[in-house]
Amino acid sequence: MSIPPTFAVSEFIQKLKRESSLAINRDSILPKWDGWQEGYGAFTYSRNEADKIINYIKGQKEHHKRVSFIEEIEIWMKENGMQTKNLRN
């Protein structure tokens, strides 16, 4: 997915959550769905890394049998000097 540099990621996520919430509720797609969680994560990669990312996504189900998504994000955040509080709430 590509977002133009003139369009704020936060604005995009807000619109995505709002419109998808309306569709999910209108069409009863997920009867027990309670809405989106607070916040979001956004990551960027160069086009040169596209094959690497595609292969990662293809193997993601198997990968997360060994390392949970939360564990992986915590590792990535620590490696990049970010705080990991509130990830497990």
PDB file of N, CA and C in Angstrom:
ATOM      1  N   MET A   1       0.848  -1.155   0.000  1.00  0.00           N
ATOM      2  CA  MET A   1       0.000   0.000   0.000  1.00  0.00           C
ATOM      3  C   MET A   1       0.899   1.224   0.000  1.00  0.00           C
ATOM      4  N   SER A   2       0.506   2.216  -0.697  1.00  0.00           N
ATOM      5  CA  SER A   2       1.273   3.452  -0.770  1.00  0.00           C
ATOM      6  C   SER A   2       0.379   4.612  -0.357  1.00  0.00           C
ATOM      7  N   ILE A   3       0.904   5.431   0.519  1.00  0.00           N
ATOM      8  CA  ILE A   3       0.179   6.618   0.962  1.00  0.00           C
ATOM      9  C   ILE A   3       0.977   7.828   0.486  1.00  0.00           C
ATOM     10  N   PRO A   4       0.348   8.751  -0.230  1.00  0.00           N
ATOM     11  CA  PRO A   4       1.081   9.929  -0.710  1.00  0.00           C
ATOM     12  C   PRO A   4       1.699  10.701   0.459  1.00  0.00           C
ATOM     13  N   PRO A   5       2.870  11.299   0.271  1.00  0.00           N
ATOM     14  CA  PRO A   5       3.520  12.028   1.358  1.00  0.00           C
ATOM     15  C   PRO A   5       2.718  13.221   1.868  1.00  0.00           C
ATOM     16  N   THR A   6       1.770  13.688   1.088  1.00  0.00           N
ATOM     17  CA  THR A   6       0.939  14.818   1.518  1.00  0.00           C
ATOM     18  C   THR A   6      -0.221  14.378   2.406  1.00  0.00           C
ATOM     19  N   PHE A   7      -0.394  13.077   2.583  1.00  0.00           N
ATOM     20  CA  PHE A   7      -1.502  12.522   3.359  1.00  0.00           C
ATOM     21  C   PHE A   7      -0.946  11.943   4.651  1.00  0.00           C
ATOM     22  N   ALA A   8      -1.356  12.473   5.794  1.00  0.00           N
ATOM     23  CA  ALA A   8      -0.845  12.009   7.084  1.00  0.00           C
ATOM     24  C   ALA A   8      -1.273  10.567   7.346  1.00  0.00           C
ATOM     25  N   VAL A   9      -0.337   9.756   7.818  1.00  0.00           N
ATOM     26  CA  VAL A   9      -0.643   8.353   8.132  1.00  0.00           C
ATOM     27  C   VAL A   9      -1.756   8.287   9.169  1.00  0.00           C
ATOM     28  N   SER A  10      -1.709   9.160  10.171  1.00  0.00           N
ATOM     29  CA  SER A  10      -2.744   9.152  11.207  1.00  0.00           C
ATOM     30  C   SER A  10      -4.127   9.413  10.614  1.00  0.00           C
ATOM     31  N   GLU A  11      -4.203  10.306   9.635  1.00  0.00           N
ATOM     32  CA  GLU A  11      -5.478  10.596   8.973  1.00  0.00           C
ATOM     33  C   GLU A  11      -5.958   9.381   8.176  1.00  0.00           C
ATOM     34  N   PHE A  12      -5.028   8.721   7.497  1.00  0.00           N
ATOM     35  CA  PHE A  12      -5.366   7.520   6.736  1.00  0.00           C
ATOM     36  C   PHE A  12      -5.920   6.435   7.658  1.00  0.00           C
ATOM     37  N   ILE A  13      -5.237   6.186   8.780  1.00  0.00           N
ATOM     38  CA  ILE A  13      -5.670   5.146   9.720  1.00  0.00           C
ATOM     39  C   ILE A  13      -7.030   5.499  10.306  1.00  0.00           C
ATOM     40  N   GLN A  14      -7.234   6.766  10.643  1.00  0.00           N
ATOM     41  CA  GLN A  14      -8.521   7.198  11.179  1.00  0.00           C
ATOM     42  C   GLN A  14      -9.646   6.897  10.188  1.00  0.00           C
ATOM     43  N   LYS A  15      -9.436   7.235   8.927  1.00  0.00           N
ATOM     44  CA  LYS A  15     -10.458   6.984   7.902  1.00  0.00           C
ATOM     45  C   LYS A  15     -10.654   5.484   7.671  1.00  0.00           C
ATOM     46  N   LEU A  16      -9.556   4.734   7.657  1.00  0.00           N
ATOM     47  CA  LEU A  16      -9.632   3.288   7.472  1.00  0.00           C
ATOM     48  C   LEU A  16     -10.445   2.639   8.590  1.00  0.00           C
ATOM     49  N   LYS A  17     -10.159   3.004   9.831  1.00  0.00           N
ATOM     50  CA  LYS A  17     -10.889   2.435  10.969  1.00  0.00           C
ATOM     51  C   LYS A  17     -12.363   2.829  10.932  1.00  0.00           C
ATOM     52  N   ARG A  18     -12.627   4.105  10.644  1.00  0.00           N
ATOM     53  CA  ARG A  18     -14.015   4.576  10.623  1.00  0.00           C
ATOM     54  C   ARG A  18     -14.831   3.862   9.548  1.00  0.00           C
ATOM     55  N   GLU A  19     -14.317   3.849   8.323  1.00  0.00           N
ATOM     56  CA  GLU A  19     -15.067   3.251   7.217  1.00  0.00           C
ATOM     57  C   GLU A  19     -15.221   1.738   7.375  1.00  0.00           C
ATOM     58  N   SER A  20     -14.169   1.070   7.838  1.00  0.00           N
ATOM     59  CA  SER A  20     -14.279  -0.380   8.016  1.00  0.00           C
ATOM     60  C   SER A  20     -15.222  -0.706   9.174  1.00  0.00           C
ATOM     61  N   SER A  21     -15.232   0.108  10.223  1.00  0.00           N
ATOM     62  CA  SER A  21     -16.169  -0.095  11.329  1.00  0.00           C
ATOM     63  C   SER A  21     -17.605   0.020  10.849  1.00  0.00           C
ATOM     64  N   LEU A  22     -17.863   1.037  10.036  1.00  0.00           N
ATOM     65  CA  LEU A  22     -19.212   1.212   9.497  1.00  0.00           C
ATOM     66  C   LEU A  22     -19.635  -0.002   8.672  1.00  0.00           C
ATOM     67  N   ALA A  23     -18.745  -0.495   7.826  1.00  0.00           N
ATOM     68  CA  ALA A  23     -19.061  -1.651   6.978  1.00  0.00           C
ATOM     69  C   ALA A  23     -19.262  -2.913   7.811  1.00  0.00           C
ATOM     70  N   ILE A  24     -18.397  -3.132   8.785  1.00  0.00           N
ATOM     71  CA  ILE A  24     -18.502  -4.332   9.629  1.00  0.00           C
ATOM     72  C   ILE A  24     -19.819  -4.324  10.394  1.00  0.00           C
ATOM     73  N   ASN A  25     -20.182  -3.179  10.955  1.00  0.00           N
ATOM     74  CA  ASN A  25     -21.430  -3.087  11.720  1.00  0.00           C
ATOM     75  C   ASN A  25     -22.658  -3.129  10.812  1.00  0.00           C
ATOM     76  N   ARG A  26     -22.604  -2.435   9.693  1.00  0.00           N
ATOM     77  CA  ARG A  26     -23.740  -2.390   8.765  1.00  0.00           C
ATOM     78  C   ARG A  26     -24.065  -3.772   8.206  1.00  0.00           C
ATOM     79  N   ASP A  27     -23.020  -4.508   7.826  1.00  0.00           N
ATOM     80  CA  ASP A  27     -23.208  -5.804   7.180  1.00  0.00           C
ATOM     81  C   ASP A  27     -23.134  -6.987   8.142  1.00  0.00           C
ATOM     82  N   SER A  28     -23.011  -6.707   9.437  1.00  0.00           N
ATOM     83  CA  SER A  28     -22.913  -7.764  10.464  1.00  0.00           C
ATOM     84  C   SER A  28     -21.867  -8.812  10.095  1.00  0.00           C
ATOM     85  N   ILE A  29     -20.725  -8.356   9.616  1.00  0.00           N
ATOM     86  CA  ILE A  29     -19.655  -9.262   9.196  1.00  0.00           C
ATOM     87  C   ILE A  29     -19.086 -10.015  10.390  1.00  0.00           C
ATOM     88  N   LEU A  30     -18.897  -9.317  11.498  1.00  0.00           N
ATOM     89  CA  LEU A  30     -18.358  -9.918  12.722  1.00  0.00           C
ATOM     90  C   LEU A  30     -19.320  -9.608  13.866  1.00  0.00           C
ATOM     91  N   PRO A  31     -20.281 -10.493  14.133  1.00  0.00           N
ATOM     92  CA  PRO A  31     -21.323 -10.204  15.117  1.00  0.00           C
ATOM     93  C   PRO A  31     -20.801  -9.824  16.506  1.00  0.00           C
ATOM     94  N   LYS A  32     -19.696 -10.412  16.941  1.00  0.00           N
ATOM     95  CA  LYS A  32     -19.185 -10.123  18.283  1.00  0.00           C
ATOM     96  C   LYS A  32     -18.055  -9.096  18.267  1.00  0.00           C
ATOM     97  N   TRP A  33     -17.868  -8.441  17.138  1.00  0.00           N
ATOM     98  CA  TRP A  33     -16.788  -7.464  16.999  1.00  0.00           C
ATOM     99  C   TRP A  33     -17.080  -6.243  17.848  1.00  0.00           C
ATOM    100  N   ASP A  34     -16.076  -5.816  18.622  1.00  0.00           N
ATOM    101  CA  ASP A  34     -16.263  -4.721  19.567  1.00  0.00           C
ATOM    102  C   ASP A  34     -15.514  -3.459  19.148  1.00  0.00           C
ATOM    103  N   GLY A  35     -15.081  -3.392  17.919  1.00  0.00           N
ATOM    104  CA  GLY A  35     -14.390  -2.203  17.438  1.00  0.00           C
ATOM    105  C   GLY A  35     -12.885  -2.353  17.448  1.00  0.00           C
ATOM    106  N   TRP A  36     -12.231  -1.363  16.898  1.00  0.00           N
ATOM    107  CA  TRP A  36     -10.778  -1.359  16.800  1.00  0.00           C
ATOM    108  C   TRP A  36     -10.148  -1.026  18.138  1.00  0.00           C
ATOM    109  N   GLN A  37      -8.959  -1.557  18.366  1.00  0.00           N
ATOM    110  CA  GLN A  37      -8.211  -1.178  19.561  1.00  0.00           C
ATOM    111  C   GLN A  37      -7.694   0.243  19.390  1.00  0.00           C
ATOM    112  N   GLU A  38      -7.279   0.846  20.476  1.00  0.00           N
ATOM    113  CA  GLU A  38      -6.722   2.189  20.426  1.00  0.00           C
ATOM    114  C   GLU A  38      -5.321   2.136  19.817  1.00  0.00           C
ATOM    115  N   GLY A  39      -4.994   3.108  19.031  1.00  0.00           N
ATOM    116  CA  GLY A  39      -3.658   3.221  18.458  1.00  0.00           C
ATOM    117  C   GLY A  39      -3.473   2.406  17.192  1.00  0.00           C
ATOM    118  N   TYR A  40      -2.250   2.434  16.670  1.00  0.00           N
ATOM    119  CA  TYR A  40      -1.906   1.695  15.459  1.00  0.00           C
ATOM    120  C   TYR A  40      -0.393   1.667  15.316  1.00  0.00           C
ATOM    121  N   GLY A  41       0.083   0.833  14.440  1.00  0.00           N
ATOM    122  CA  GLY A  41       1.504   0.793  14.097  1.00  0.00           C
ATOM    123  C   GLY A  41       1.632   0.927  12.594  1.00  0.00           C
ATOM    124  N   ALA A  42       2.617   1.668  12.152  1.00  0.00           N
ATOM    125  CA  ALA A  42       2.850   1.836  10.717  1.00  0.00           C
ATOM    126  C   ALA A  42       4.341   1.680  10.455  1.00  0.00           C
ATOM    127  N   PHE A  43       4.671   0.897   9.447  1.00  0.00           N
ATOM    128  CA  PHE A  43       6.061   0.614   9.133  1.00  0.00           C
ATOM    129  C   PHE A  43       6.305   0.889   7.657  1.00  0.00           C
ATOM    130  N   THR A  44       7.467   1.397   7.341  1.00  0.00           N
ATOM    131  CA  THR A  44       7.796   1.670   5.951  1.00  0.00           C
ATOM    132  C   THR A  44       8.999   0.845   5.522  1.00  0.00           C
ATOM    133  N   TYR A  45       8.991   0.496   4.273  1.00  0.00           N
ATOM    134  CA  TYR A  45      10.087  -0.261   3.669  1.00  0.00           C
ATOM    135  C   TYR A  45      10.309   0.279   2.270  1.00  0.00           C
ATOM    136  N   SER A  46      11.520   0.138   1.780  1.00  0.00           N
ATOM    137  CA  SER A  46      11.798   0.585   0.416  1.00  0.00           C
ATOM    138  C   SER A  46      11.314  -0.468  -0.577  1.00  0.00           C
ATOM    139  N   ARG A  47      11.101  -0.059  -1.795  1.00  0.00           N
ATOM    140  CA  ARG A  47      10.683  -0.998  -2.848  1.00  0.00           C
ATOM    141  C   ARG A  47      11.722  -2.096  -3.043  1.00  0.00           C
ATOM    142  N   ASN A  48      12.974  -1.796  -2.752  1.00  0.00           N
ATOM    143  CA  ASN A  48      14.041  -2.799  -2.890  1.00  0.00           C
ATOM    144  C   ASN A  48      13.837  -3.989  -1.959  1.00  0.00           C
ATOM    145  N   GLU A  49      13.080  -3.791  -0.890  1.00  0.00           N
ATOM    146  CA  GLU A  49      12.842  -4.849   0.087  1.00  0.00           C
ATOM    147  C   GLU A  49      11.525  -5.589  -0.140  1.00  0.00           C
ATOM    148  N   ALA A  50      10.837  -5.297  -1.223  1.00  0.00           N
ATOM    149  CA  ALA A  50       9.508  -5.867  -1.466  1.00  0.00           C
ATOM    150  C   ALA A  50       9.515  -7.392  -1.448  1.00  0.00           C
ATOM    151  N   ASP A  51      10.453  -8.028  -2.132  1.00  0.00           N
ATOM    152  CA  ASP A  51      10.493  -9.499  -2.163  1.00  0.00           C
ATOM    153  C   ASP A  51      10.709 -10.074  -0.771  1.00  0.00           C
ATOM    154  N   LYS A  52      11.582  -9.442   0.003  1.00  0.00           N
ATOM    155  CA  LYS A  52      11.854  -9.890   1.371  1.00  0.00           C
ATOM    156  C   LYS A  52      10.579  -9.810   2.219  1.00  0.00           C
ATOM    157  N   ILE A  53       9.843  -8.722   2.100  1.00  0.00           N
ATOM    158  CA  ILE A  53       8.614  -8.526   2.870  1.00  0.00           C
ATOM    159  C   ILE A  53       7.539  -9.516   2.423  1.00  0.00           C
ATOM    160  N   ILE A  54       7.398  -9.720   1.136  1.00  0.00           N
ATOM    161  CA  ILE A  54       6.411 -10.676   0.615  1.00  0.00           C
ATOM    162  C   ILE A  54       6.705 -12.075   1.132  1.00  0.00           C
ATOM    163  N   ASN A  55       7.967 -12.479   1.108  1.00  0.00           N
ATOM    164  CA  ASN A  55       8.341 -13.803   1.614  1.00  0.00           C
ATOM    165  C   ASN A  55       8.094 -13.917   3.109  1.00  0.00           C
ATOM    166  N   TYR A  56       8.349 -12.845   3.849  1.00  0.00           N
ATOM    167  CA  TYR A  56       8.070 -12.852   5.285  1.00  0.00           C
ATOM    168  C   TYR A  56       6.577 -13.070   5.528  1.00  0.00           C
ATOM    169  N   ILE A  57       5.747 -12.342   4.810  1.00  0.00           N
ATOM    170  CA  ILE A  57       4.294 -12.460   4.983  1.00  0.00           C
ATOM    171  C   ILE A  57       3.824 -13.869   4.635  1.00  0.00           C
ATOM    172  N   LYS A  58       4.363 -14.446   3.575  1.00  0.00           N
ATOM    173  CA  LYS A  58       3.986 -15.811   3.187  1.00  0.00           C
ATOM    174  C   LYS A  58       4.326 -16.819   4.281  1.00  0.00           C
ATOM    175  N   GLY A  59       5.419 -16.603   5.006  1.00  0.00           N
ATOM    176  CA  GLY A  59       5.838 -17.531   6.055  1.00  0.00           C
ATOM    177  C   GLY A  59       5.413 -17.120   7.448  1.00  0.00           C
ATOM    178  N   GLN A  60       4.604 -16.075   7.541  1.00  0.00           N
ATOM    179  CA  GLN A  60       4.232 -15.500   8.825  1.00  0.00           C
ATOM    180  C   GLN A  60       3.486 -16.479   9.733  1.00  0.00           C
ATOM    181  N   LYS A  61       2.570 -17.243   9.189  1.00  0.00           N
ATOM    182  CA  LYS A  61       1.785 -18.174  10.000  1.00  0.00           C
ATOM    183  C   LYS A  61       2.703 -19.180  10.695  1.00  0.00           C
ATOM    184  N   GLU A  62       3.636 -19.737   9.960  1.00  0.00           N
ATOM    185  CA  GLU A  62       4.590 -20.697  10.520  1.00  0.00           C
ATOM    186  C   GLU A  62       5.533 -20.004  11.508  1.00  0.00           C
ATOM    187  N   HIS A  63       5.996 -18.832  11.150  1.00  0.00           N
ATOM    188  CA  HIS A  63       6.918 -18.071  12.002  1.00  0.00           C
ATOM    189  C   HIS A  63       6.296 -17.789  13.367  1.00  0.00           C
ATOM    190  N   HIS A  64       5.017 -17.407  13.382  1.00  0.00           N
ATOM    191  CA  HIS A  64       4.364 -17.035  14.634  1.00  0.00           C
ATOM    192  C   HIS A  64       3.947 -18.235  15.476  1.00  0.00           C
ATOM    193  N   LYS A  65       4.210 -19.431  15.015  1.00  0.00           N
ATOM    194  CA  LYS A  65       4.072 -20.610  15.874  1.00  0.00           C
ATOM    195  C   LYS A  65       5.234 -20.654  16.863  1.00  0.00           C
ATOM    196  N   ARG A  66       6.365 -20.032  16.484  1.00  0.00           N
ATOM    197  CA  ARG A  66       7.567 -20.029  17.328  1.00  0.00           C
ATOM    198  C   ARG A  66       7.704 -18.737  18.129  1.00  0.00           C
ATOM    199  N   VAL A  67       7.357 -17.627  17.524  1.00  0.00           N
ATOM    200  CA  VAL A  67       7.481 -16.308  18.151  1.00  0.00           C
ATOM    201  C   VAL A  67       6.153 -15.584  17.955  1.00  0.00           C
ATOM    202  N   SER A  68       5.532 -15.153  19.061  1.00  0.00           N
ATOM    203  CA  SER A  68       4.245 -14.467  18.924  1.00  0.00           C
ATOM    204  C   SER A  68       4.438 -13.101  18.268  1.00  0.00           C
ATOM    205  N   PHE A  69       3.356 -12.575  17.754  1.00  0.00           N
ATOM    206  CA  PHE A  69       3.401 -11.259  17.124  1.00  0.00           C
ATOM    207  C   PHE A  69       3.877 -10.204  18.122  1.00  0.00           C
ATOM    208  N   ILE A  70       3.323 -10.244  19.342  1.00  0.00           N
ATOM    209  CA  ILE A  70       3.709  -9.272  20.371  1.00  0.00           C
ATOM    210  C   ILE A  70       5.190  -9.400  20.698  1.00  0.00           C
ATOM    211  N   GLU A  71       5.681 -10.636  20.856  1.00  0.00           N
ATOM    212  CA  GLU A  71       7.109 -10.841  21.134  1.00  0.00           C
ATOM    213  C   GLU A  71       7.965 -10.264  20.012  1.00  0.00           C
ATOM    214  N   GLU A  72       7.547 -10.499  18.792  1.00  0.00           N
ATOM    215  CA  GLU A  72       8.310 -10.005  17.647  1.00  0.00           C
ATOM    216  C   GLU A  72       8.351  -8.477  17.622  1.00  0.00           C
ATOM    217  N   ILE A  73       7.222  -7.848  17.878  1.00  0.00           N
ATOM    218  CA  ILE A  73       7.169  -6.383  17.901  1.00  0.00           C
ATOM    219  C   ILE A  73       8.036  -5.845  19.036  1.00  0.00           C
ATOM    220  N   GLU A  74       7.968  -6.504  20.212  1.00  0.00           N
ATOM    221  CA  GLU A  74       8.792  -6.059  21.338  1.00  0.00           C
ATOM    222  C   GLU A  74      10.281  -6.143  21.005  1.00  0.00           C
ATOM    223  N   ILE A  75      10.701  -7.224  20.380  1.00  0.00           N
ATOM    224  CA  ILE A  75      12.104  -7.387  19.978  1.00  0.00           C
ATOM    225  C   ILE A  75      12.488  -6.281  19.004  1.00  0.00           C
ATOM    226  N   TRP A  76      11.655  -6.077  17.998  1.00  0.00           N
ATOM    227  CA  TRP A  76      11.929  -5.054  16.986  1.00  0.00           C
ATOM    228  C   TRP A  76      12.016  -3.668  17.621  1.00  0.00           C
ATOM    229  N   MET A  77      11.087  -3.361  18.528  1.00  0.00           N
ATOM    230  CA  MET A  77      11.078  -2.046  19.170  1.00  0.00           C
ATOM    231  C   MET A  77      12.330  -1.845  20.024  1.00  0.00           C
ATOM    232  N   LYS A  78      12.705  -2.867  20.799  1.00  0.00           N
ATOM    233  CA  LYS A  78      13.911  -2.762  21.632  1.00  0.00           C
ATOM    234  C   LYS A  78      15.153  -2.576  20.770  1.00  0.00           C
ATOM    235  N   GLU A  79      15.239  -3.317  19.671  1.00  0.00           N
ATOM    236  CA  GLU A  79      16.384  -3.188  18.759  1.00  0.00           C
ATOM    237  C   GLU A  79      16.481  -1.787  18.164  1.00  0.00           C
ATOM    238  N   ASN A  80      15.346  -1.099  18.099  1.00  0.00           N
ATOM    239  CA  ASN A  80      15.311   0.237  17.510  1.00  0.00           C
ATOM    240  C   ASN A  80      15.156   1.341  18.553  1.00  0.00           C
ATOM    241  N   GLY A  81      15.453   0.992  19.817  1.00  0.00           N
ATOM    242  CA  GLY A  81      15.474   1.986  20.887  1.00  0.00           C
ATOM    243  C   GLY A  81      14.126   2.545  21.276  1.00  0.00           C
ATOM    244  N   MET A  82      13.074   1.773  21.092  1.00  0.00           N
ATOM    245  CA  MET A  82      11.728   2.243  21.416  1.00  0.00           C
ATOM    246  C   MET A  82      11.234   1.584  22.696  1.00  0.00           C
ATOM    247  N   GLN A  83      10.338   2.261  23.416  1.00  0.00           N
ATOM    248  CA  GLN A  83       9.746   1.697  24.624  1.00  0.00           C
ATOM    249  C   GLN A  83       8.657   0.707  24.242  1.00  0.00           C
ATOM    250  N   THR A  84       8.527  -0.349  25.048  1.00  0.00           N
ATOM    251  CA  THR A  84       7.545  -1.389  24.730  1.00  0.00           C
ATOM    252  C   THR A  84       6.403  -1.448  25.739  1.00  0.00           C
ATOM    253  N   LYS A  85       6.239  -0.441  26.557  1.00  0.00           N
ATOM    254  CA  LYS A  85       5.150  -0.478  27.533  1.00  0.00           C
ATOM    255  C   LYS A  85       3.797  -0.464  26.830  1.00  0.00           C
ATOM    256  N   ASN A  86       2.808  -1.027  27.470  1.00  0.00           N
ATOM    257  CA  ASN A  86       1.413  -1.064  27.002  1.00  0.00           C
ATOM    258  C   ASN A  86       1.163  -2.002  25.824  1.00  0.00           C
ATOM    259  N   LEU A  87       2.120  -2.800  25.406  1.00  0.00           N
ATOM    260  CA  LEU A  87       1.881  -3.706  24.284  1.00  0.00           C
ATOM    261  C   LEU A  87       1.017  -4.893  24.685  1.00  0.00           C
ATOM    262  N   ARG A  88       1.059  -5.273  25.928  1.00  0.00           N
ATOM    263  CA  ARG A  88       0.346  -6.479  26.360  1.00  0.00           C
ATOM    264  C   ARG A  88      -0.978  -6.171  27.049  1.00  0.00           C
ATOM    265  N   ASN A  89      -1.457  -4.955  26.930  1.00  0.00           N
ATOM    266  CA  ASN A  89      -2.751  -4.596  27.541  1.00  0.00           C
ATOM    267  C   ASN A  89      -3.876  -4.931  26.616  1.00  0.00           C
TER     268      ASN A  89
END
